[in-house]
């Protein structure tokens, strides 16, 4: 499915199909302002700092990161948002703010999703790292993919009766995929709902397409799809695997079935994965 076809599919399902009943929270005003400030080839640093300082908790998050062992080194502790931005850099500042605003826009209050945002932050860090190892993939876009990849799950949890039970069932079944169980019970799934949110929030079309297809590994390499979308999907599978290795979890079904195609698309080897795993451990520890 091309990006245009995905957009049309979502719009149609939103108007008269199963997505009609899905409640999409509005994009936070501060996130919309942040996207606008970062959209220029010369981002508006003053506006980004103003947005960061407008929320005490968000300011504290930036300061905590800037003063963490990952960034502090031998420097003096930061005491202002401006100092924190200088230390961690504009792109990481924007990424941290995006994650903070997303978490607050879509609260997750379900025992089965207790670590949802923690794992999203780890996935985003892993994606940004992988993007820096690959030619042509924006670390900022990759970070956003890591944050938003599974955002459809809490969206569906807030909108669909019985979806909490579907989460339990989908995690337990071995005869069909998570996505297949969602569709059997609700005629939609978290990949579609996540793409809908990204479209509604006016984010990058490549991000929308990659989230829509992030469990459709048969699409890898298809000529109708942008190479950047393929790369996001393949890198996302690698990031999930490296997170599971870091957490001591067994490999999941997607990795077992499709890691070969993903690694071939990205032109990486098993040695590359081992090297990335070593480099990522400290980052994931502090995510």
C-alpha atoms as a PDB file:
ATOM      1  CA  UNK A   1       0.000   0.000   0.000  1.00  0.00           C
ATOM      2  CA  UNK A   2       1.377   3.389  -0.972  1.00  0.00           C
ATOM      3  CA  UNK A   3       1.274   6.287   1.461  1.00  0.00           C
ATOM      4  CA  UNK A   4      -1.575   7.815  -0.547  1.00  0.00           C
ATOM      5  CA  UNK A   5      -3.523   4.531  -0.455  1.00  0.00           C
ATOM      6  CA  UNK A   6      -3.005   4.285   3.309  1.00  0.00           C
ATOM      7  CA  UNK A   7      -4.264   7.843   3.768  1.00  0.00           C
ATOM      8  CA  UNK A   8      -7.370   7.048   1.701  1.00  0.00           C
ATOM      9  CA  UNK A   9      -7.964   3.803   3.595  1.00  0.00           C
ATOM     10  CA  UNK A  10      -7.810   5.586   6.946  1.00  0.00           C
ATOM     11  CA  UNK A  11     -10.034   8.438   5.823  1.00  0.00           C
ATOM     12  CA  UNK A  12     -12.655   6.010   4.500  1.00  0.00           C
ATOM     13  CA  UNK A  13     -12.601   3.879   7.648  1.00  0.00           C
ATOM     14  CA  UNK A  14     -12.837   7.038   9.744  1.00  0.00           C
ATOM     15  CA  UNK A  15     -15.909   8.292   7.874  1.00  0.00           C
ATOM     16  CA  UNK A  16     -17.989   5.138   7.722  1.00  0.00           C
ATOM     17  CA  UNK A  17     -16.012   2.135   8.954  1.00  0.00           C
ATOM     18  CA  UNK A  18     -14.704   0.715  12.232  1.00  0.00           C
ATOM     19  CA  UNK A  19     -12.562   3.792  12.956  1.00  0.00           C
ATOM     20  CA  UNK A  20     -15.664   5.969  13.224  1.00  0.00           C
ATOM     21  CA  UNK A  21     -16.017   5.171  16.925  1.00  0.00           C
ATOM     22  CA  UNK A  22     -12.339   5.653  17.796  1.00  0.00           C
ATOM     23  CA  UNK A  23     -11.696   8.652  20.034  1.00  0.00           C
ATOM     24  CA  UNK A  24      -8.537  10.466  18.973  1.00  0.00           C
ATOM     25  CA  UNK A  25      -7.285  12.913  21.598  1.00  0.00           C
ATOM     26  CA  UNK A  26      -6.434  16.328  20.157  1.00  0.00           C
ATOM     27  CA  UNK A  27      -2.806  17.077  19.457  1.00  0.00           C
ATOM     28  CA  UNK A  28      -1.476  19.051  22.447  1.00  0.00           C
ATOM     29  CA  UNK A  29      -1.087  22.732  21.653  1.00  0.00           C
ATOM     30  CA  UNK A  30       2.503  22.673  22.883  1.00  0.00           C
ATOM     31  CA  UNK A  31       3.329  19.749  20.586  1.00  0.00           C
ATOM     32  CA  UNK A  32       1.811  21.526  17.592  1.00  0.00           C
ATOM     33  CA  UNK A  33       3.894  24.607  18.457  1.00  0.00           C
ATOM     34  CA  UNK A  34       7.006  22.454  18.843  1.00  0.00           C
ATOM     35  CA  UNK A  35       6.456  20.811  15.454  1.00  0.00           C
ATOM     36  CA  UNK A  36       6.067  24.215  13.847  1.00  0.00           C
ATOM     37  CA  UNK A  37       9.195  25.561  15.554  1.00  0.00           C
ATOM     38  CA  UNK A  38      11.258  22.552  14.408  1.00  0.00           C
ATOM     39  CA  UNK A  39       9.867  22.427  10.855  1.00  0.00           C
ATOM     40  CA  UNK A  40      12.128  25.149   9.463  1.00  0.00           C
ATOM     41  CA  UNK A  41      15.612  24.493   8.147  1.00  0.00           C
ATOM     42  CA  UNK A  42      16.661  26.871  10.934  1.00  0.00           C
ATOM     43  CA  UNK A  43      14.526  25.875  13.946  1.00  0.00           C
ATOM     44  CA  UNK A  44      13.286  28.627  16.248  1.00  0.00           C
ATOM     45  CA  UNK A  45      15.426  28.029  19.339  1.00  0.00           C
ATOM     46  CA  UNK A  46      13.729  30.777  21.311  1.00  0.00           C
ATOM     47  CA  UNK A  47      10.294  29.253  20.714  1.00  0.00           C
ATOM     48  CA  UNK A  48      11.508  25.754  21.654  1.00  0.00           C
ATOM     49  CA  UNK A  49      12.956  27.125  24.902  1.00  0.00           C
ATOM     50  CA  UNK A  50       9.738  29.024  25.579  1.00  0.00           C
ATOM     51  CA  UNK A  51       7.680  25.846  25.092  1.00  0.00           C
ATOM     52  CA  UNK A  52      10.020  23.840  27.331  1.00  0.00           C
ATOM     53  CA  UNK A  53       9.840  26.422  30.103  1.00  0.00           C
ATOM     54  CA  UNK A  54       6.036  26.659  29.951  1.00  0.00           C
ATOM     55  CA  UNK A  55       5.578  23.351  31.793  1.00  0.00           C
ATOM     56  CA  UNK A  56       7.395  22.796  35.082  1.00  0.00           C
ATOM     57  CA  UNK A  57       7.360  19.000  34.784  1.00  0.00           C
ATOM     58  CA  UNK A  58       8.697  19.119  31.216  1.00  0.00           C
ATOM     59  CA  UNK A  59      11.473  21.489  32.302  1.00  0.00           C
ATOM     60  CA  UNK A  60      12.345  19.108  35.129  1.00  0.00           C
ATOM     61  CA  UNK A  61      12.498  16.202  32.661  1.00  0.00           C
ATOM     62  CA  UNK A  62      14.997  18.060  30.468  1.00  0.00           C
ATOM     63  CA  UNK A  63      17.127  19.058  33.453  1.00  0.00           C
ATOM     64  CA  UNK A  64      17.116  15.513  34.820  1.00  0.00           C
ATOM     65  CA  UNK A  65      18.346  14.194  31.464  1.00  0.00           C
ATOM     66  CA  UNK A  66      21.001  16.897  31.090  1.00  0.00           C
ATOM     67  CA  UNK A  67      22.318  16.116  34.578  1.00  0.00           C
ATOM     68  CA  UNK A  68      22.232  12.337  34.127  1.00  0.00           C
ATOM     69  CA  UNK A  69      25.485  10.335  33.856  1.00  0.00           C
ATOM     70  CA  UNK A  70      24.940  10.010  30.101  1.00  0.00           C
ATOM     71  CA  UNK A  71      25.400  13.774  29.598  1.00  0.00           C
ATOM     72  CA  UNK A  72      26.961  15.206  32.760  1.00  0.00           C
ATOM     73  CA  UNK A  73      30.486  13.797  32.392  1.00  0.00           C
ATOM     74  CA  UNK A  74      32.779  16.283  34.154  1.00  0.00           C
ATOM     75  CA  UNK A  75      30.591  19.327  33.529  1.00  0.00           C
ATOM     76  CA  UNK A  76      28.767  21.436  36.064  1.00  0.00           C
ATOM     77  CA  UNK A  77      25.108  20.572  36.722  1.00  0.00           C
ATOM     78  CA  UNK A  78      22.588  22.485  34.596  1.00  0.00           C
ATOM     79  CA  UNK A  79      20.162  24.708  36.458  1.00  0.00           C
ATOM     80  CA  UNK A  80      18.145  26.253  33.608  1.00  0.00           C
ATOM     81  CA  UNK A  81      16.262  24.939  30.591  1.00  0.00           C
ATOM     82  CA  UNK A  82      18.607  26.875  28.286  1.00  0.00           C
ATOM     83  CA  UNK A  83      21.645  25.169  29.785  1.00  0.00           C
ATOM     84  CA  UNK A  84      19.959  21.778  29.456  1.00  0.00           C
ATOM     85  CA  UNK A  85      19.139  22.422  25.794  1.00  0.00           C
ATOM     86  CA  UNK A  86      22.724  23.432  25.084  1.00  0.00           C
ATOM     87  CA  UNK A  87      24.094  20.309  26.740  1.00  0.00           C
ATOM     88  CA  UNK A  88      21.822  17.673  25.186  1.00  0.00           C
ATOM     89  CA  UNK A  89      21.324  19.413  21.840  1.00  0.00           C
ATOM     90  CA  UNK A  90      18.268  20.727  20.044  1.00  0.00           C
ATOM     91  CA  UNK A  91      17.201  17.479  18.399  1.00  0.00           C
ATOM     92  CA  UNK A  92      17.312  15.468  21.613  1.00  0.00           C
ATOM     93  CA  UNK A  93      15.543  18.321  23.414  1.00  0.00           C
ATOM     94  CA  UNK A  94      12.745  18.171  20.846  1.00  0.00           C
ATOM     95  CA  UNK A  95      12.573  14.370  21.102  1.00  0.00           C
ATOM     96  CA  UNK A  96      12.313  14.429  24.901  1.00  0.00           C
ATOM     97  CA  UNK A  97       9.633  17.127  24.797  1.00  0.00           C
ATOM     98  CA  UNK A  98       7.647  15.160  22.195  1.00  0.00           C
ATOM     99  CA  UNK A  99       7.732  12.067  24.388  1.00  0.00           C
ATOM    100  CA  UNK A 100       6.671  14.036  27.457  1.00  0.00           C
ATOM    101  CA  UNK A 101       3.753  15.697  25.683  1.00  0.00           C
ATOM    102  CA  UNK A 102       2.624  12.413  24.127  1.00  0.00           C
ATOM    103  CA  UNK A 103       2.574  10.619  27.491  1.00  0.00           C
ATOM    104  CA  UNK A 104       0.482  13.367  29.019  1.00  0.00           C
ATOM    105  CA  UNK A 105      -1.928  13.490  26.064  1.00  0.00           C
ATOM    106  CA  UNK A 106      -2.614   9.742  26.213  1.00  0.00           C
ATOM    107  CA  UNK A 107      -2.470   8.455  29.795  1.00  0.00           C
ATOM    108  CA  UNK A 108      -2.234   4.694  30.196  1.00  0.00           C
ATOM    109  CA  UNK A 109      -4.069   3.279  33.207  1.00  0.00           C
ATOM    110  CA  UNK A 110      -4.145  -0.452  32.624  1.00  0.00           C
ATOM    111  CA  UNK A 111      -2.174  -3.165  34.428  1.00  0.00           C
ATOM    112  CA  UNK A 112      -1.364  -4.874  31.139  1.00  0.00           C
ATOM    113  CA  UNK A 113       0.315  -1.683  29.881  1.00  0.00           C
ATOM    114  CA  UNK A 114       2.174  -0.773  33.078  1.00  0.00           C
ATOM    115  CA  UNK A 115       5.482  -0.210  31.234  1.00  0.00           C
ATOM    116  CA  UNK A 116       4.013   1.094  27.989  1.00  0.00           C
ATOM    117  CA  UNK A 117       5.621   4.551  27.965  1.00  0.00           C
ATOM    118  CA  UNK A 118       8.862   3.275  29.468  1.00  0.00           C
ATOM    119  CA  UNK A 119       9.190   0.805  26.604  1.00  0.00           C
ATOM    120  CA  UNK A 120       8.169   3.478  24.083  1.00  0.00           C
ATOM    121  CA  UNK A 121      10.996   5.688  25.355  1.00  0.00           C
ATOM    122  CA  UNK A 122      13.447   2.802  25.041  1.00  0.00           C
ATOM    123  CA  UNK A 123      12.226   1.995  21.529  1.00  0.00           C
ATOM    124  CA  UNK A 124      12.622   5.645  20.539  1.00  0.00           C
ATOM    125  CA  UNK A 125      16.193   5.737  21.867  1.00  0.00           C
ATOM    126  CA  UNK A 126      17.032   2.510  20.047  1.00  0.00           C
ATOM    127  CA  UNK A 127      15.506   3.793  16.810  1.00  0.00           C
ATOM    128  CA  UNK A 128      17.450   7.067  16.950  1.00  0.00           C
ATOM    129  CA  UNK A 129      20.658   5.121  17.583  1.00  0.00           C
ATOM    130  CA  UNK A 130      19.999   2.744  14.670  1.00  0.00           C
ATOM    131  CA  UNK A 131      19.209   5.684  12.373  1.00  0.00           C
ATOM    132  CA  UNK A 132      22.620   7.177  13.143  1.00  0.00           C
ATOM    133  CA  UNK A 133      24.217   3.935  11.910  1.00  0.00           C
ATOM    134  CA  UNK A 134      22.283   3.930   8.632  1.00  0.00           C
ATOM    135  CA  UNK A 135      22.617   6.285   5.651  1.00  0.00           C
ATOM    136  CA  UNK A 136      19.570   8.344   4.752  1.00  0.00           C
ATOM    137  CA  UNK A 137      17.331   7.770   7.793  1.00  0.00           C
ATOM    138  CA  UNK A 138      16.539  10.808   9.913  1.00  0.00           C
ATOM    139  CA  UNK A 139      17.221  10.136  13.633  1.00  0.00           C
ATOM    140  CA  UNK A 140      14.378  12.528  14.494  1.00  0.00           C
ATOM    141  CA  UNK A 141      11.889  10.628  12.324  1.00  0.00           C
ATOM    142  CA  UNK A 142      13.181   7.315  13.686  1.00  0.00           C
ATOM    143  CA  UNK A 143      12.759   8.549  17.270  1.00  0.00           C
ATOM    144  CA  UNK A 144       9.179   9.579  16.539  1.00  0.00           C
ATOM    145  CA  UNK A 145       8.512   6.151  15.049  1.00  0.00           C
ATOM    146  CA  UNK A 146       9.790   4.533  18.232  1.00  0.00           C
ATOM    147  CA  UNK A 147       7.488   6.681  20.361  1.00  0.00           C
ATOM    148  CA  UNK A 148       4.374   6.323  18.214  1.00  0.00           C
ATOM    149  CA  UNK A 149       4.736   2.758  16.864  1.00  0.00           C
ATOM    150  CA  UNK A 150       2.277   1.195  19.328  1.00  0.00           C
ATOM    151  CA  UNK A 151       0.325   4.304  20.317  1.00  0.00           C
ATOM    152  CA  UNK A 152      -2.779   2.745  18.777  1.00  0.00           C
ATOM    153  CA  UNK A 153      -2.977   0.336  21.738  1.00  0.00           C
ATOM    154  CA  UNK A 154      -3.883   2.926  24.420  1.00  0.00           C
ATOM    155  CA  UNK A 155      -6.067   4.721  21.850  1.00  0.00           C
ATOM    156  CA  UNK A 156      -8.097   1.544  21.311  1.00  0.00           C
ATOM    157  CA  UNK A 157      -8.141   0.834  25.040  1.00  0.00           C
ATOM    158  CA  UNK A 158      -9.858   4.175  25.643  1.00  0.00           C
ATOM    159  CA  UNK A 159     -12.326   3.712  22.773  1.00  0.00           C
ATOM    160  CA  UNK A 160     -13.399   0.087  22.446  1.00  0.00           C
ATOM    161  CA  UNK A 161     -15.382  -1.923  24.946  1.00  0.00           C
ATOM    162  CA  UNK A 162     -13.672  -5.211  25.688  1.00  0.00           C
ATOM    163  CA  UNK A 163     -10.301  -4.200  24.273  1.00  0.00           C
ATOM    164  CA  UNK A 164      -8.607  -4.865  27.628  1.00  0.00           C
ATOM    165  CA  UNK A 165      -9.678  -8.501  27.345  1.00  0.00           C
ATOM    166  CA  UNK A 166      -8.443  -8.543  23.756  1.00  0.00           C
ATOM    167  CA  UNK A 167      -4.985  -7.511  24.969  1.00  0.00           C
ATOM    168  CA  UNK A 168      -4.881 -10.525  27.278  1.00  0.00           C
ATOM    169  CA  UNK A 169      -6.165 -12.877  24.587  1.00  0.00           C
ATOM    170  CA  UNK A 170      -3.826 -11.557  21.887  1.00  0.00           C
ATOM    171  CA  UNK A 171      -0.783 -11.947  24.137  1.00  0.00           C
ATOM    172  CA  UNK A 172      -1.734 -15.536  24.995  1.00  0.00           C
ATOM    173  CA  UNK A 173      -2.679 -16.929  21.587  1.00  0.00           C
ATOM    174  CA  UNK A 174      -0.116 -18.788  19.533  1.00  0.00           C
ATOM    175  CA  UNK A 175      -2.381 -19.756  16.628  1.00  0.00           C
ATOM    176  CA  UNK A 176      -2.657 -16.249  15.201  1.00  0.00           C
ATOM    177  CA  UNK A 177      -0.946 -12.890  15.441  1.00  0.00           C
ATOM    178  CA  UNK A 178      -1.715 -10.022  17.821  1.00  0.00           C
ATOM    179  CA  UNK A 179      -3.092  -7.990  14.910  1.00  0.00           C
ATOM    180  CA  UNK A 180      -5.309 -10.870  13.746  1.00  0.00           C
ATOM    181  CA  UNK A 181      -6.860 -11.184  17.208  1.00  0.00           C
ATOM    182  CA  UNK A 182      -7.560  -7.451  17.315  1.00  0.00           C
ATOM    183  CA  UNK A 183      -9.281  -7.573  13.951  1.00  0.00           C
ATOM    184  CA  UNK A 184     -11.274 -10.687  14.827  1.00  0.00           C
ATOM    185  CA  UNK A 185     -12.662  -8.978  17.927  1.00  0.00           C
ATOM    186  CA  UNK A 186     -12.973  -5.345  16.801  1.00  0.00           C
ATOM    187  CA  UNK A 187     -12.607  -5.125  12.992  1.00  0.00           C
ATOM    188  CA  UNK A 188      -9.572  -2.896  13.419  1.00  0.00           C
ATOM    189  CA  UNK A 189      -6.147  -2.980  15.076  1.00  0.00           C
ATOM    190  CA  UNK A 190      -3.555  -0.827  16.785  1.00  0.00           C
ATOM    191  CA  UNK A 191      -1.527  -0.296  13.596  1.00  0.00           C
ATOM    192  CA  UNK A 192      -4.511   1.351  11.907  1.00  0.00           C
ATOM    193  CA  UNK A 193      -5.449   3.330  15.031  1.00  0.00           C
ATOM    194  CA  UNK A 194      -1.869   4.553  15.461  1.00  0.00           C
ATOM    195  CA  UNK A 195      -1.713   5.678  11.847  1.00  0.00           C
ATOM    196  CA  UNK A 196      -5.025   7.485  12.338  1.00  0.00           C
ATOM    197  CA  UNK A 197      -3.647   9.429  15.301  1.00  0.00           C
ATOM    198  CA  UNK A 198      -0.477  10.385  13.424  1.00  0.00           C
ATOM    199  CA  UNK A 199      -2.600  11.580  10.479  1.00  0.00           C
ATOM    200  CA  UNK A 200      -4.920  13.537  12.765  1.00  0.00           C
ATOM    201  CA  UNK A 201      -1.936  15.180  14.446  1.00  0.00           C
ATOM    202  CA  UNK A 202      -0.528  16.257  11.062  1.00  0.00           C
ATOM    203  CA  UNK A 203       2.749  14.390  11.429  1.00  0.00           C
ATOM    204  CA  UNK A 204       4.984  13.107   8.636  1.00  0.00           C
ATOM    205  CA  UNK A 205       3.201  10.917   6.042  1.00  0.00           C
ATOM    206  CA  UNK A 206       6.140   8.484   6.119  1.00  0.00           C
ATOM    207  CA  UNK A 207       5.557   8.040   9.847  1.00  0.00           C
ATOM    208  CA  UNK A 208       1.854   7.395   9.259  1.00  0.00           C
ATOM    209  CA  UNK A 209       2.603   4.775   6.594  1.00  0.00           C
ATOM    210  CA  UNK A 210       5.288   3.016   8.625  1.00  0.00           C
ATOM    211  CA  UNK A 211       3.035   2.726  11.676  1.00  0.00           C
ATOM    212  CA  UNK A 212       0.189   1.403   9.525  1.00  0.00           C
ATOM    213  CA  UNK A 213       2.490  -1.289   8.082  1.00  0.00           C
ATOM    214  CA  UNK A 214       4.721  -2.023  11.076  1.00  0.00           C
ATOM    215  CA  UNK A 215       3.482  -5.629  11.399  1.00  0.00           C
ATOM    216  CA  UNK A 216       3.160  -6.171   7.630  1.00  0.00           C
ATOM    217  CA  UNK A 217       6.650  -7.409   6.877  1.00  0.00           C
ATOM    218  CA  UNK A 218       5.520  -8.934   3.597  1.00  0.00           C
ATOM    219  CA  UNK A 219       5.448  -5.351   2.296  1.00  0.00           C
ATOM    220  CA  UNK A 220       9.222  -4.895   2.734  1.00  0.00           C
ATOM    221  CA  UNK A 221      10.738  -3.958  -0.610  1.00  0.00           C
ATOM    222  CA  UNK A 222       7.433  -3.391  -2.417  1.00  0.00           C
ATOM    223  CA  UNK A 223       7.894  -0.762  -5.116  1.00  0.00           C
ATOM    224  CA  UNK A 224       4.745   1.194  -4.236  1.00  0.00           C
ATOM    225  CA  UNK A 225       6.126   2.049  -0.794  1.00  0.00           C
ATOM    226  CA  UNK A 226       8.711   4.716  -0.049  1.00  0.00           C
ATOM    227  CA  UNK A 227      12.160   3.276   0.813  1.00  0.00           C
ATOM    228  CA  UNK A 228      12.155   5.424   3.974  1.00  0.00           C
ATOM    229  CA  UNK A 229       8.983   3.658   5.130  1.00  0.00           C
ATOM    230  CA  UNK A 230      10.609   0.269   4.523  1.00  0.00           C
ATOM    231  CA  UNK A 231      13.660   1.364   6.492  1.00  0.00           C
ATOM    232  CA  UNK A 232      11.567   2.556   9.443  1.00  0.00           C
ATOM    233  CA  UNK A 233       9.705  -0.776   9.556  1.00  0.00           C
ATOM    234  CA  UNK A 234      12.892  -2.856   9.304  1.00  0.00           C
ATOM    235  CA  UNK A 235      14.742  -0.713  11.861  1.00  0.00           C
ATOM    236  CA  UNK A 236      11.707  -0.959  14.154  1.00  0.00           C
ATOM    237  CA  UNK A 237      11.970  -4.753  14.150  1.00  0.00           C
ATOM    238  CA  UNK A 238      15.680  -4.497  14.989  1.00  0.00           C
ATOM    239  CA  UNK A 239      14.960  -2.020  17.791  1.00  0.00           C
ATOM    240  CA  UNK A 240      12.307  -4.296  19.317  1.00  0.00           C
ATOM    241  CA  UNK A 241      14.733  -7.205  19.215  1.00  0.00           C
ATOM    242  CA  UNK A 242      17.539  -5.250  20.868  1.00  0.00           C
ATOM    243  CA  UNK A 243      15.124  -4.077  23.582  1.00  0.00           C
ATOM    244  CA  UNK A 244      14.107  -7.676  24.274  1.00  0.00           C
ATOM    245  CA  UNK A 245      17.752  -8.745  24.442  1.00  0.00           C
ATOM    246  CA  UNK A 246      18.422  -5.891  26.876  1.00  0.00           C
ATOM    247  CA  UNK A 247      15.473  -6.978  29.041  1.00  0.00           C
ATOM    248  CA  UNK A 248      16.391 -10.673  28.922  1.00  0.00           C
ATOM    249  CA  UNK A 249      13.198 -11.626  27.067  1.00  0.00           C
ATOM    250  CA  UNK A 250      12.894 -14.379  24.449  1.00  0.00           C
ATOM    251  CA  UNK A 251      12.596 -13.400  20.794  1.00  0.00           C
ATOM    252  CA  UNK A 252       9.070 -12.688  19.589  1.00  0.00           C
ATOM    253  CA  UNK A 253       7.256 -14.175  16.606  1.00  0.00           C
ATOM    254  CA  UNK A 254       7.875 -11.183  14.313  1.00  0.00           C
ATOM    255  CA  UNK A 255      11.626 -11.447  14.862  1.00  0.00           C
ATOM    256  CA  UNK A 256      11.682 -15.217  14.436  1.00  0.00           C
ATOM    257  CA  UNK A 257       9.813 -15.027  11.130  1.00  0.00           C
ATOM    258  CA  UNK A 258      11.069 -11.817   9.536  1.00  0.00           C
ATOM    259  CA  UNK A 259      14.468 -10.792  10.888  1.00  0.00           C
ATOM    260  CA  UNK A 260      16.172 -12.047   7.735  1.00  0.00           C
ATOM    261  CA  UNK A 261      14.191  -9.726   5.470  1.00  0.00           C
ATOM    262  CA  UNK A 262      14.733  -6.774   7.804  1.00  0.00           C
ATOM    263  CA  UNK A 263      18.488  -7.315   8.053  1.00  0.00           C
ATOM    264  CA  UNK A 264      18.752  -7.809   4.294  1.00  0.00           C
ATOM    265  CA  UNK A 265      16.877  -4.553   3.630  1.00  0.00           C
ATOM    266  CA  UNK A 266      19.158  -2.650   6.035  1.00  0.00           C
ATOM    267  CA  UNK A 267      22.305  -4.453   4.773  1.00  0.00           C
ATOM    268  CA  UNK A 268      23.418  -5.417   8.269  1.00  0.00           C
ATOM    269  CA  UNK A 269      24.928  -8.597   9.707  1.00  0.00           C
ATOM    270  CA  UNK A 270      24.743 -10.535  12.950  1.00  0.00           C
ATOM    271  CA  UNK A 271      28.042  -8.909  13.938  1.00  0.00           C
ATOM    272  CA  UNK A 272      26.465  -5.488  13.454  1.00  0.00           C
ATOM    273  CA  UNK A 273      23.639  -6.487  15.806  1.00  0.00           C
ATOM    274  CA  UNK A 274      26.064  -7.657  18.485  1.00  0.00           C
ATOM    275  CA  UNK A 275      28.009  -4.408  18.199  1.00  0.00           C
ATOM    276  CA  UNK A 276      24.821  -2.314  18.400  1.00  0.00           C
ATOM    277  CA  UNK A 277      23.662  -4.306  21.410  1.00  0.00           C
ATOM    278  CA  UNK A 278      26.879  -3.447  23.264  1.00  0.00           C
ATOM    279  CA  UNK A 279      26.621   0.237  22.371  1.00  0.00           C
ATOM    280  CA  UNK A 280      22.936   0.513  23.249  1.00  0.00           C
ATOM    281  CA  UNK A 281      23.013  -0.942  26.732  1.00  0.00           C
ATOM    282  CA  UNK A 282      23.914   2.274  28.575  1.00  0.00           C
ATOM    283  CA  UNK A 283      21.403   4.270  26.530  1.00  0.00           C
ATOM    284  CA  UNK A 284      18.589   1.831  27.299  1.00  0.00           C
ATOM    285  CA  UNK A 285      19.555   1.706  30.968  1.00  0.00           C
ATOM    286  CA  UNK A 286      18.936   5.442  31.212  1.00  0.00           C
ATOM    287  CA  UNK A 287      15.961   5.708  28.828  1.00  0.00           C
END
